[in-house]
Amino acid sequence: MRRVGIFFLAVILVISLCACASEAVQPQEETPSGILSAFTATDLQGNGVDQTVLQGCRLTMVNFWATYCSPCISEMPDLADLAAKYADLGVQIIGLVSDAQNADGSVSDSQVQLAADIAAETGANYLHLVPDASLSGLMGQITAVPTTFFVDDAGQQVGGTYLGARSLEDWTQVVDQLLEEVQ
């Protein structure tokens, strides 16, 4: 009887470990390739933005972040430096504030103000957007922040999806590699 209990405990443990591993990989594999080919959003000042913001840029880094996320906020100065370093090469950064909406989908003015304050305090002077319903499919796939991916000027994903914060040096290596892919 005791062996049966140990056997079932081992089976449950194996199943649990396999389930966790597959979920950890899942967000990287399921990000739709053309998710930014058509979208609308507002920036932190309330101005409307759509997919035309991608035009003229060889590569756009899309960085999902949240106002409660210390790693997100910590990497923002490096992202600002990255944006400045690559601006002349047709690279831009867009931050998407993942927690700027209320549960009913309406925009939270206090969260938008907090996001604007964080962007100003960190020197993250690149474009930050508050997603709307047109980005809900993508937002539903973001399971951790920061999550970052890159798109070309048509909104097609280039390269993989990156979970977690990185240093300026690490992002530089990623951008250099991806610029070679979009040439």
N, C-alpha and C. Protein backbone atom coordinates (compact mmCIF):
# COMPACT_ATOMS: atom_id res chain seq x y z
N MET A 1 0.83 -1.20 0.00
CA MET A 1 0.00 0.00 0.00
C MET A 1 0.87 1.26 0.00
N ARG A 2 1.94 1.19 0.77
CA ARG A 2 2.82 2.34 0.85
C ARG A 2 3.51 2.60 -0.49
N ARG A 3 3.85 1.54 -1.23
CA ARG A 3 4.48 1.69 -2.54
C ARG A 3 3.55 2.38 -3.52
N VAL A 4 2.27 2.08 -3.45
CA VAL A 4 1.30 2.70 -4.33
C VAL A 4 1.24 4.21 -4.07
N GLY A 5 1.25 4.60 -2.81
CA GLY A 5 1.23 6.01 -2.44
C GLY A 5 2.46 6.74 -2.95
N ILE A 6 3.62 6.11 -2.81
CA ILE A 6 4.86 6.71 -3.29
C ILE A 6 4.85 6.81 -4.80
N PHE A 7 4.32 5.78 -5.47
CA PHE A 7 4.23 5.79 -6.93
C PHE A 7 3.37 6.96 -7.41
N PHE A 8 2.19 7.14 -6.81
CA PHE A 8 1.30 8.23 -7.22
C PHE A 8 1.92 9.59 -6.93
N LEU A 9 2.62 9.71 -5.82
CA LEU A 9 3.30 10.95 -5.50
C LEU A 9 4.38 11.25 -6.55
N ALA A 10 5.11 10.24 -6.98
CA ALA A 10 6.14 10.43 -8.01
C ALA A 10 5.51 10.84 -9.34
N VAL A 11 4.40 10.22 -9.71
CA VAL A 11 3.71 10.56 -10.96
C VAL A 11 3.23 12.01 -10.92
N ILE A 12 2.65 12.42 -9.83
CA ILE A 12 2.16 13.80 -9.69
C ILE A 12 3.33 14.78 -9.78
N LEU A 13 4.45 14.45 -9.15
CA LEU A 13 5.62 15.30 -9.21
C LEU A 13 6.14 15.45 -10.64
N VAL A 14 6.22 14.35 -11.38
CA VAL A 14 6.69 14.39 -12.77
C VAL A 14 5.74 15.22 -13.63
N ILE A 15 4.46 15.02 -13.48
CA ILE A 15 3.47 15.78 -14.25
C ILE A 15 3.59 17.27 -13.93
N SER A 16 3.75 17.61 -12.66
CA SER A 16 3.88 19.01 -12.27
C SER A 16 5.12 19.65 -12.87
N LEU A 17 6.24 18.94 -12.83
CA LEU A 17 7.46 19.49 -13.39
C LEU A 17 7.36 19.69 -14.90
N CYS A 18 6.73 18.76 -15.58
CA CYS A 18 6.57 18.89 -17.04
C CYS A 18 5.65 20.05 -17.38
N ALA A 19 4.60 20.24 -16.63
CA ALA A 19 3.66 21.32 -16.90
C ALA A 19 4.33 22.67 -16.72
N CYS A 20 5.14 22.82 -15.68
CA CYS A 20 5.83 24.10 -15.46
C CYS A 20 6.80 24.39 -16.58
N ALA A 21 7.53 23.39 -17.03
CA ALA A 21 8.51 23.61 -18.09
C ALA A 21 7.83 24.04 -19.38
N SER A 22 6.71 23.44 -19.73
CA SER A 22 6.06 23.81 -20.98
C SER A 22 5.46 25.21 -20.90
N GLU A 23 5.00 25.64 -19.74
CA GLU A 23 4.46 26.99 -19.62
C GLU A 23 5.55 28.04 -19.70
N ALA A 24 6.74 27.72 -19.21
CA ALA A 24 7.83 28.69 -19.25
C ALA A 24 8.25 28.99 -20.69
N VAL A 25 8.15 28.03 -21.57
CA VAL A 25 8.56 28.21 -22.96
C VAL A 25 7.43 28.82 -23.78
N GLN A 26 6.22 28.57 -23.41
CA GLN A 26 5.05 28.94 -24.20
C GLN A 26 5.00 30.39 -24.66
N PRO A 27 5.24 31.41 -23.81
CA PRO A 27 5.13 32.79 -24.31
C PRO A 27 6.11 33.10 -25.43
N GLN A 28 7.27 32.48 -25.42
CA GLN A 28 8.25 32.75 -26.45
C GLN A 28 7.82 32.19 -27.78
N GLU A 29 7.09 31.10 -27.79
CA GLU A 29 6.73 30.46 -29.04
C GLU A 29 5.45 30.99 -29.66
N GLU A 30 4.59 31.62 -28.85
CA GLU A 30 3.27 31.96 -29.36
C GLU A 30 3.06 33.43 -29.69
N THR A 31 4.08 34.26 -29.57
CA THR A 31 3.89 35.67 -29.92
C THR A 31 3.64 35.75 -31.42
N PRO A 32 2.48 36.26 -31.84
CA PRO A 32 2.18 36.32 -33.27
C PRO A 32 3.19 37.19 -34.01
N SER A 33 3.56 36.77 -35.21
CA SER A 33 4.61 37.45 -35.94
C SER A 33 4.18 38.82 -36.45
N GLY A 34 2.92 39.04 -36.80
CA GLY A 34 2.49 40.32 -37.35
C GLY A 34 1.60 41.10 -36.41
N ILE A 35 1.78 40.96 -35.13
CA ILE A 35 0.87 41.56 -34.15
C ILE A 35 0.82 43.08 -34.23
N LEU A 36 1.87 43.73 -34.67
CA LEU A 36 1.85 45.19 -34.72
C LEU A 36 1.62 45.72 -36.12
N SER A 37 1.08 44.88 -37.00
CA SER A 37 0.80 45.35 -38.36
C SER A 37 -0.40 46.29 -38.39
N ALA A 38 -1.27 46.23 -37.38
CA ALA A 38 -2.41 47.14 -37.26
C ALA A 38 -2.77 47.27 -35.79
N PHE A 39 -2.60 48.47 -35.24
CA PHE A 39 -2.95 48.68 -33.84
C PHE A 39 -3.22 50.16 -33.60
N THR A 40 -3.85 50.44 -32.48
CA THR A 40 -4.01 51.80 -32.00
C THR A 40 -3.69 51.81 -30.51
N ALA A 41 -3.23 52.94 -30.05
CA ALA A 41 -2.91 53.11 -28.65
C ALA A 41 -2.81 54.60 -28.39
N THR A 42 -2.55 54.97 -27.16
CA THR A 42 -2.27 56.36 -26.83
C THR A 42 -0.92 56.41 -26.13
N ASP A 43 -0.22 57.53 -26.28
CA ASP A 43 1.03 57.69 -25.55
C ASP A 43 0.70 58.21 -24.15
N LEU A 44 1.71 58.43 -23.35
CA LEU A 44 1.48 58.84 -21.96
C LEU A 44 0.91 60.24 -21.84
N GLN A 45 0.94 61.01 -22.94
CA GLN A 45 0.35 62.34 -22.95
C GLN A 45 -1.07 62.33 -23.54
N GLY A 46 -1.58 61.16 -23.91
CA GLY A 46 -2.93 61.04 -24.44
C GLY A 46 -3.05 61.17 -25.94
N ASN A 47 -1.93 61.26 -26.65
CA ASN A 47 -1.96 61.38 -28.11
C ASN A 47 -2.16 60.01 -28.75
N GLY A 48 -2.95 59.97 -29.80
CA GLY A 48 -3.19 58.72 -30.52
C GLY A 48 -1.96 58.27 -31.30
N VAL A 49 -1.70 56.98 -31.29
CA VAL A 49 -0.58 56.39 -32.01
C VAL A 49 -1.09 55.13 -32.69
N ASP A 50 -0.63 54.88 -33.92
CA ASP A 50 -0.98 53.63 -34.60
C ASP A 50 0.27 53.04 -35.25
N GLN A 51 0.08 52.05 -36.09
CA GLN A 51 1.20 51.32 -36.68
C GLN A 51 2.10 52.19 -37.55
N THR A 52 1.65 53.37 -37.95
CA THR A 52 2.51 54.24 -38.76
C THR A 52 3.75 54.69 -37.99
N VAL A 53 3.76 54.56 -36.69
CA VAL A 53 4.93 54.91 -35.89
C VAL A 53 6.11 54.00 -36.23
N LEU A 54 5.84 52.87 -36.84
CA LEU A 54 6.89 51.93 -37.22
C LEU A 54 7.57 52.30 -38.54
N GLN A 55 6.88 53.07 -39.36
CA GLN A 55 7.39 53.40 -40.69
C GLN A 55 8.69 54.20 -40.58
N GLY A 56 9.62 53.85 -41.43
CA GLY A 56 10.90 54.52 -41.45
C GLY A 56 11.91 53.95 -40.47
N CYS A 57 11.50 52.97 -39.69
CA CYS A 57 12.42 52.34 -38.74
C CYS A 57 12.74 50.93 -39.20
N ARG A 58 14.00 50.63 -39.25
CA ARG A 58 14.41 49.28 -39.64
C ARG A 58 14.03 48.27 -38.57
N LEU A 59 14.07 48.71 -37.31
CA LEU A 59 13.84 47.81 -36.20
C LEU A 59 13.23 48.59 -35.05
N THR A 60 12.18 48.04 -34.45
CA THR A 60 11.56 48.64 -33.28
C THR A 60 11.57 47.63 -32.15
N MET A 61 12.14 48.02 -31.04
CA MET A 61 12.11 47.21 -29.82
C MET A 61 10.81 47.53 -29.10
N VAL A 62 10.03 46.51 -28.78
CA VAL A 62 8.77 46.68 -28.06
C VAL A 62 8.97 46.05 -26.69
N ASN A 63 8.94 46.89 -25.67
CA ASN A 63 9.25 46.47 -24.30
C ASN A 63 8.01 46.64 -23.42
N PHE A 64 7.41 45.51 -23.03
CA PHE A 64 6.28 45.53 -22.10
C PHE A 64 6.83 45.69 -20.70
N TRP A 65 6.32 46.68 -19.98
CA TRP A 65 6.77 46.91 -18.61
C TRP A 65 5.58 47.28 -17.74
N ALA A 66 5.81 47.29 -16.44
CA ALA A 66 4.75 47.63 -15.49
C ALA A 66 5.31 48.56 -14.43
N THR A 67 4.45 49.38 -13.88
CA THR A 67 4.87 50.37 -12.89
C THR A 67 5.31 49.72 -11.58
N TYR A 68 4.91 48.49 -11.31
CA TYR A 68 5.28 47.79 -10.08
C TYR A 68 6.53 46.94 -10.25
N CYS A 69 7.10 46.90 -11.44
CA CYS A 69 8.17 45.96 -11.79
C CYS A 69 9.55 46.61 -11.63
N SER A 70 10.25 46.25 -10.57
CA SER A 70 11.59 46.81 -10.32
C SER A 70 12.57 46.51 -11.44
N PRO A 71 12.65 45.27 -11.96
CA PRO A 71 13.58 45.03 -13.07
C PRO A 71 13.24 45.87 -14.32
N CYS A 72 11.95 46.07 -14.57
CA CYS A 72 11.54 46.91 -15.70
C CYS A 72 12.09 48.32 -15.55
N ILE A 73 11.89 48.88 -14.38
CA ILE A 73 12.29 50.25 -14.11
C ILE A 73 13.82 50.36 -14.09
N SER A 74 14.48 49.36 -13.55
CA SER A 74 15.95 49.38 -13.48
C SER A 74 16.60 49.39 -14.86
N GLU A 75 15.97 48.73 -15.85
CA GLU A 75 16.59 48.69 -17.17
C GLU A 75 16.25 49.89 -18.04
N MET A 76 15.33 50.74 -17.61
CA MET A 76 14.90 51.86 -18.43
C MET A 76 16.03 52.85 -18.77
N PRO A 77 16.93 53.19 -17.85
CA PRO A 77 18.03 54.07 -18.26
C PRO A 77 18.89 53.44 -19.36
N ASP A 78 19.13 52.14 -19.28
CA ASP A 78 19.89 51.46 -20.33
C ASP A 78 19.12 51.47 -21.65
N LEU A 79 17.81 51.31 -21.59
CA LEU A 79 17.02 51.35 -22.82
C LEU A 79 17.06 52.75 -23.43
N ALA A 80 17.07 53.78 -22.59
CA ALA A 80 17.19 55.15 -23.10
C ALA A 80 18.54 55.34 -23.80
N ASP A 81 19.59 54.82 -23.20
CA ASP A 81 20.92 54.89 -23.83
C ASP A 81 20.93 54.12 -25.14
N LEU A 82 20.28 52.96 -25.15
CA LEU A 82 20.20 52.15 -26.36
C LEU A 82 19.47 52.90 -27.47
N ALA A 83 18.37 53.55 -27.10
CA ALA A 83 17.58 54.31 -28.09
C ALA A 83 18.44 55.42 -28.70
N ALA A 84 19.20 56.11 -27.88
CA ALA A 84 20.05 57.19 -28.38
C ALA A 84 21.17 56.64 -29.26
N LYS A 85 21.75 55.53 -28.83
CA LYS A 85 22.87 54.93 -29.56
C LYS A 85 22.48 54.49 -30.96
N TYR A 86 21.25 53.99 -31.12
CA TYR A 86 20.84 53.40 -32.40
C TYR A 86 19.87 54.25 -33.21
N ALA A 87 19.53 55.43 -32.74
CA ALA A 87 18.55 56.27 -33.44
C ALA A 87 18.96 56.54 -34.88
N ASP A 88 20.24 56.81 -35.12
CA ASP A 88 20.70 57.11 -36.48
C ASP A 88 20.76 55.88 -37.37
N LEU A 89 20.59 54.70 -36.79
CA LEU A 89 20.61 53.46 -37.56
C LEU A 89 19.19 52.94 -37.83
N GLY A 90 18.18 53.75 -37.53
CA GLY A 90 16.81 53.36 -37.81
C GLY A 90 16.21 52.41 -36.78
N VAL A 91 16.67 52.53 -35.54
CA VAL A 91 16.15 51.69 -34.46
C VAL A 91 15.43 52.59 -33.47
N GLN A 92 14.26 52.16 -33.03
CA GLN A 92 13.53 52.89 -32.00
C GLN A 92 13.07 51.93 -30.92
N ILE A 93 12.72 52.48 -29.78
CA ILE A 93 12.18 51.70 -28.66
C ILE A 93 10.80 52.23 -28.34
N ILE A 94 9.89 51.31 -28.14
CA ILE A 94 8.54 51.65 -27.68
C ILE A 94 8.27 50.85 -26.42
N GLY A 95 7.93 51.54 -25.36
CA GLY A 95 7.52 50.89 -24.12
C GLY A 95 6.01 50.76 -24.11
N LEU A 96 5.51 49.60 -23.74
CA LEU A 96 4.07 49.40 -23.58
C LEU A 96 3.79 49.18 -22.09
N VAL A 97 3.03 50.08 -21.51
CA VAL A 97 2.73 50.02 -20.08
C VAL A 97 1.61 49.00 -19.87
N SER A 98 1.96 47.88 -19.29
CA SER A 98 1.01 46.77 -19.20
C SER A 98 -0.03 46.92 -18.10
N ASP A 99 0.18 47.84 -17.17
CA ASP A 99 -0.76 47.97 -16.05
C ASP A 99 -1.42 49.34 -15.98
N ALA A 100 -1.67 49.94 -17.13
CA ALA A 100 -2.27 51.27 -17.16
C ALA A 100 -3.77 51.24 -17.40
N GLN A 101 -4.35 50.06 -17.36
CA GLN A 101 -5.80 49.96 -17.58
C GLN A 101 -6.47 49.38 -16.34
N ASN A 102 -7.71 49.80 -16.14
CA ASN A 102 -8.54 49.24 -15.08
C ASN A 102 -9.06 47.87 -15.52
N ALA A 103 -9.65 47.15 -14.61
CA ALA A 103 -10.17 45.81 -14.91
C ALA A 103 -11.22 45.83 -16.02
N ASP A 104 -11.95 46.93 -16.16
CA ASP A 104 -12.98 47.03 -17.20
C ASP A 104 -12.42 47.47 -18.55
N GLY A 105 -11.10 47.66 -18.64
CA GLY A 105 -10.48 48.05 -19.90
C GLY A 105 -10.31 49.55 -20.07
N SER A 106 -10.89 50.34 -19.19
CA SER A 106 -10.71 51.78 -19.28
C SER A 106 -9.31 52.16 -18.79
N VAL A 107 -8.84 53.30 -19.24
CA VAL A 107 -7.51 53.76 -18.88
C VAL A 107 -7.53 54.32 -17.46
N SER A 108 -6.55 53.94 -16.68
CA SER A 108 -6.39 54.46 -15.32
C SER A 108 -5.50 55.69 -15.38
N ASP A 109 -6.09 56.86 -15.17
CA ASP A 109 -5.33 58.11 -15.23
C ASP A 109 -4.20 58.12 -14.21
N SER A 110 -4.44 57.58 -13.03
CA SER A 110 -3.39 57.58 -12.01
C SER A 110 -2.22 56.66 -12.41
N GLN A 111 -2.50 55.54 -13.06
CA GLN A 111 -1.43 54.65 -13.52
C GLN A 111 -0.66 55.27 -14.67
N VAL A 112 -1.36 55.95 -15.56
CA VAL A 112 -0.69 56.62 -16.67
C VAL A 112 0.23 57.71 -16.12
N GLN A 113 -0.24 58.46 -15.12
CA GLN A 113 0.61 59.50 -14.51
C GLN A 113 1.81 58.87 -13.82
N LEU A 114 1.60 57.76 -13.13
CA LEU A 114 2.71 57.07 -12.48
C LEU A 114 3.72 56.59 -13.52
N ALA A 115 3.24 56.05 -14.62
CA ALA A 115 4.13 55.59 -15.70
C ALA A 115 4.91 56.77 -16.28
N ALA A 116 4.25 57.89 -16.48
CA ALA A 116 4.93 59.08 -17.00
C ALA A 116 6.00 59.56 -16.03
N ASP A 117 5.69 59.52 -14.74
CA ASP A 117 6.66 59.93 -13.72
C ASP A 117 7.88 59.00 -13.73
N ILE A 118 7.63 57.71 -13.84
CA ILE A 118 8.72 56.72 -13.87
C ILE A 118 9.59 56.94 -15.11
N ALA A 119 8.96 57.13 -16.25
CA ALA A 119 9.71 57.36 -17.49
C ALA A 119 10.58 58.61 -17.35
N ALA A 120 10.04 59.67 -16.77
CA ALA A 120 10.80 60.91 -16.60
C ALA A 120 11.95 60.71 -15.61
N GLU A 121 11.68 60.05 -14.49
CA GLU A 121 12.70 59.85 -13.46
C GLU A 121 13.85 58.98 -13.95
N THR A 122 13.58 58.03 -14.83
CA THR A 122 14.61 57.11 -15.32
C THR A 122 15.29 57.61 -16.59
N GLY A 123 14.80 58.71 -17.12
CA GLY A 123 15.38 59.23 -18.37
C GLY A 123 14.95 58.44 -19.59
N ALA A 124 13.91 57.65 -19.45
CA ALA A 124 13.41 56.82 -20.55
C ALA A 124 12.57 57.69 -21.47
N ASN A 125 13.23 58.49 -22.29
CA ASN A 125 12.55 59.48 -23.12
C ASN A 125 12.11 58.94 -24.47
N TYR A 126 12.01 57.63 -24.58
CA TYR A 126 11.46 57.03 -25.79
C TYR A 126 9.94 56.93 -25.64
N LEU A 127 9.26 56.57 -26.71
CA LEU A 127 7.80 56.51 -26.73
C LEU A 127 7.27 55.41 -25.82
N HIS A 128 6.31 55.76 -24.98
CA HIS A 128 5.62 54.79 -24.12
C HIS A 128 4.14 54.84 -24.46
N LEU A 129 3.56 53.67 -24.64
CA LEU A 129 2.15 53.58 -25.05
C LEU A 129 1.29 52.88 -24.01
N VAL A 130 0.03 53.27 -24.00
CA VAL A 130 -1.01 52.59 -23.23
C VAL A 130 -1.82 51.80 -24.25
N PRO A 131 -1.74 50.48 -24.23
CA PRO A 131 -2.43 49.67 -25.24
C PRO A 131 -3.95 49.80 -25.15
N ASP A 132 -4.60 49.62 -26.29
CA ASP A 132 -6.06 49.58 -26.30
C ASP A 132 -6.50 48.17 -26.72
N ALA A 133 -7.76 48.03 -27.05
CA ALA A 133 -8.33 46.72 -27.37
C ALA A 133 -7.66 46.06 -28.58
N SER A 134 -7.11 46.84 -29.50
CA SER A 134 -6.48 46.25 -30.68
C SER A 134 -5.23 45.46 -30.32
N LEU A 135 -4.70 45.67 -29.14
CA LEU A 135 -3.53 44.93 -28.69
C LEU A 135 -3.88 43.89 -27.61
N SER A 136 -5.15 43.65 -27.39
CA SER A 136 -5.55 42.73 -26.33
C SER A 136 -5.07 41.30 -26.58
N GLY A 137 -4.99 40.88 -27.84
CA GLY A 137 -4.49 39.54 -28.13
C GLY A 137 -3.05 39.38 -27.68
N LEU A 138 -2.25 40.38 -27.96
CA LEU A 138 -0.85 40.35 -27.53
C LEU A 138 -0.76 40.49 -26.02
N MET A 139 -1.51 41.40 -25.45
CA MET A 139 -1.48 41.60 -24.00
C MET A 139 -1.84 40.31 -23.26
N GLY A 140 -2.76 39.54 -23.82
CA GLY A 140 -3.16 38.29 -23.19
C GLY A 140 -2.06 37.25 -23.18
N GLN A 141 -1.06 37.41 -24.02
CA GLN A 141 0.05 36.46 -24.08
C GLN A 141 1.22 36.86 -23.20
N ILE A 142 1.22 38.07 -22.70
CA ILE A 142 2.32 38.53 -21.86
C ILE A 142 2.08 38.01 -20.45
N THR A 143 2.96 37.11 -20.03
CA THR A 143 2.79 36.48 -18.72
C THR A 143 3.80 36.99 -17.70
N ALA A 144 4.77 37.77 -18.15
CA ALA A 144 5.79 38.31 -17.25
C ALA A 144 6.27 39.63 -17.82
N VAL A 145 6.72 40.50 -16.92
CA VAL A 145 7.33 41.75 -17.36
C VAL A 145 8.70 41.85 -16.72
N PRO A 146 9.67 42.42 -17.40
CA PRO A 146 9.56 42.89 -18.77
C PRO A 146 9.59 41.75 -19.78
N THR A 147 8.82 41.92 -20.83
CA THR A 147 8.86 41.05 -22.01
C THR A 147 9.15 41.96 -23.19
N THR A 148 10.10 41.54 -24.02
CA THR A 148 10.55 42.38 -25.13
C THR A 148 10.61 41.56 -26.40
N PHE A 149 10.18 42.16 -27.49
CA PHE A 149 10.38 41.58 -28.81
C PHE A 149 10.63 42.72 -29.78
N PHE A 150 11.02 42.36 -31.00
CA PHE A 150 11.38 43.34 -32.01
C PHE A 150 10.51 43.14 -33.25
N VAL A 151 10.20 44.25 -33.93
CA VAL A 151 9.44 44.18 -35.18
C VAL A 151 10.13 45.05 -36.23
N ASP A 152 9.82 44.73 -37.49
CA ASP A 152 10.33 45.56 -38.59
C ASP A 152 9.34 46.68 -38.87
N ASP A 153 9.55 47.40 -39.96
CA ASP A 153 8.69 48.56 -40.26
C ASP A 153 7.27 48.19 -40.66
N ALA A 154 7.02 46.91 -40.92
CA ALA A 154 5.67 46.44 -41.24
C ALA A 154 4.99 45.79 -40.04
N GLY A 155 5.65 45.78 -38.88
CA GLY A 155 5.07 45.19 -37.69
C GLY A 155 5.26 43.69 -37.58
N GLN A 156 6.11 43.12 -38.43
CA GLN A 156 6.40 41.68 -38.38
C GLN A 156 7.52 41.43 -37.38
N GLN A 157 7.34 40.42 -36.55
CA GLN A 157 8.34 40.13 -35.54
C GLN A 157 9.65 39.69 -36.18
N VAL A 158 10.74 40.18 -35.60
CA VAL A 158 12.09 39.82 -36.01
C VAL A 158 12.75 39.17 -34.80
N GLY A 159 13.26 37.97 -34.96
CA GLY A 159 13.92 37.30 -33.84
C GLY A 159 12.92 36.75 -32.85
N GLY A 160 13.39 36.46 -31.67
CA GLY A 160 12.57 35.83 -30.64
C GLY A 160 11.98 36.82 -29.66
N THR A 161 11.44 36.27 -28.59
CA THR A 161 10.87 37.05 -27.51
C THR A 161 11.79 36.91 -26.31
N TYR A 162 12.05 38.01 -25.65
CA TYR A 162 13.00 38.05 -24.55
C TYR A 162 12.27 38.33 -23.24
N LEU A 163 12.40 37.42 -22.30
CA LEU A 163 11.79 37.59 -20.99
C LEU A 163 12.85 38.08 -20.01
N GLY A 164 12.52 39.08 -19.22
CA GLY A 164 13.45 39.58 -18.22
C GLY A 164 14.22 40.79 -18.70
N ALA A 165 14.80 41.48 -17.73
CA ALA A 165 15.60 42.67 -18.00
C ALA A 165 17.00 42.27 -18.44
N ARG A 166 17.64 43.16 -19.19
CA ARG A 166 19.00 42.95 -19.67
C ARG A 166 19.79 44.25 -19.54
N SER A 167 21.09 44.11 -19.58
CA SER A 167 21.97 45.28 -19.50
C SER A 167 22.08 45.93 -20.87
N LEU A 168 22.66 47.13 -20.89
CA LEU A 168 22.90 47.82 -22.15
C LEU A 168 23.77 46.97 -23.07
N GLU A 169 24.78 46.35 -22.52
CA GLU A 169 25.68 45.51 -23.32
C GLU A 169 24.93 44.33 -23.93
N ASP A 170 24.09 43.68 -23.13
CA ASP A 170 23.32 42.55 -23.65
C ASP A 170 22.36 42.99 -24.75
N TRP A 171 21.66 44.11 -24.54
CA TRP A 171 20.72 44.59 -25.56
C TRP A 171 21.47 45.02 -26.81
N THR A 172 22.65 45.57 -26.66
CA THR A 172 23.45 45.96 -27.81
C THR A 172 23.77 44.76 -28.68
N GLN A 173 24.14 43.66 -28.06
CA GLN A 173 24.42 42.43 -28.82
C GLN A 173 23.17 41.96 -29.56
N VAL A 174 22.03 41.98 -28.89
CA VAL A 174 20.78 41.54 -29.51
C VAL A 174 20.44 42.44 -30.71
N VAL A 175 20.50 43.76 -30.52
CA VAL A 175 20.15 44.69 -31.59
C VAL A 175 21.10 44.54 -32.77
N ASP A 176 22.39 44.42 -32.50
CA ASP A 176 23.35 44.25 -33.59
C ASP A 176 23.03 43.00 -34.42
N GLN A 177 22.72 41.92 -33.75
CA GLN A 177 22.38 40.67 -34.46
C GLN A 177 21.10 40.83 -35.27
N LEU A 178 20.08 41.46 -34.69
CA LEU A 178 18.81 41.62 -35.40
C LEU A 178 18.91 42.61 -36.56
N LEU A 179 19.75 43.61 -36.44
CA LEU A 179 19.95 44.54 -37.55
C LEU A 179 20.52 43.82 -38.78
N GLU A 180 21.35 42.83 -38.54
CA GLU A 180 21.87 42.04 -39.64
C GLU A 180 20.76 41.25 -40.34
N GLU A 181 19.77 40.81 -39.57
CA GLU A 181 18.66 40.04 -40.13
C GLU A 181 17.72 40.89 -40.99
N VAL A 182 17.57 42.18 -40.66
CA VAL A 182 16.63 43.02 -41.40
C VAL A 182 17.26 43.80 -42.54
N GLN A 183 18.54 43.57 -42.83
CA GLN A 183 19.20 44.30 -43.91
C GLN A 183 18.81 43.78 -45.26
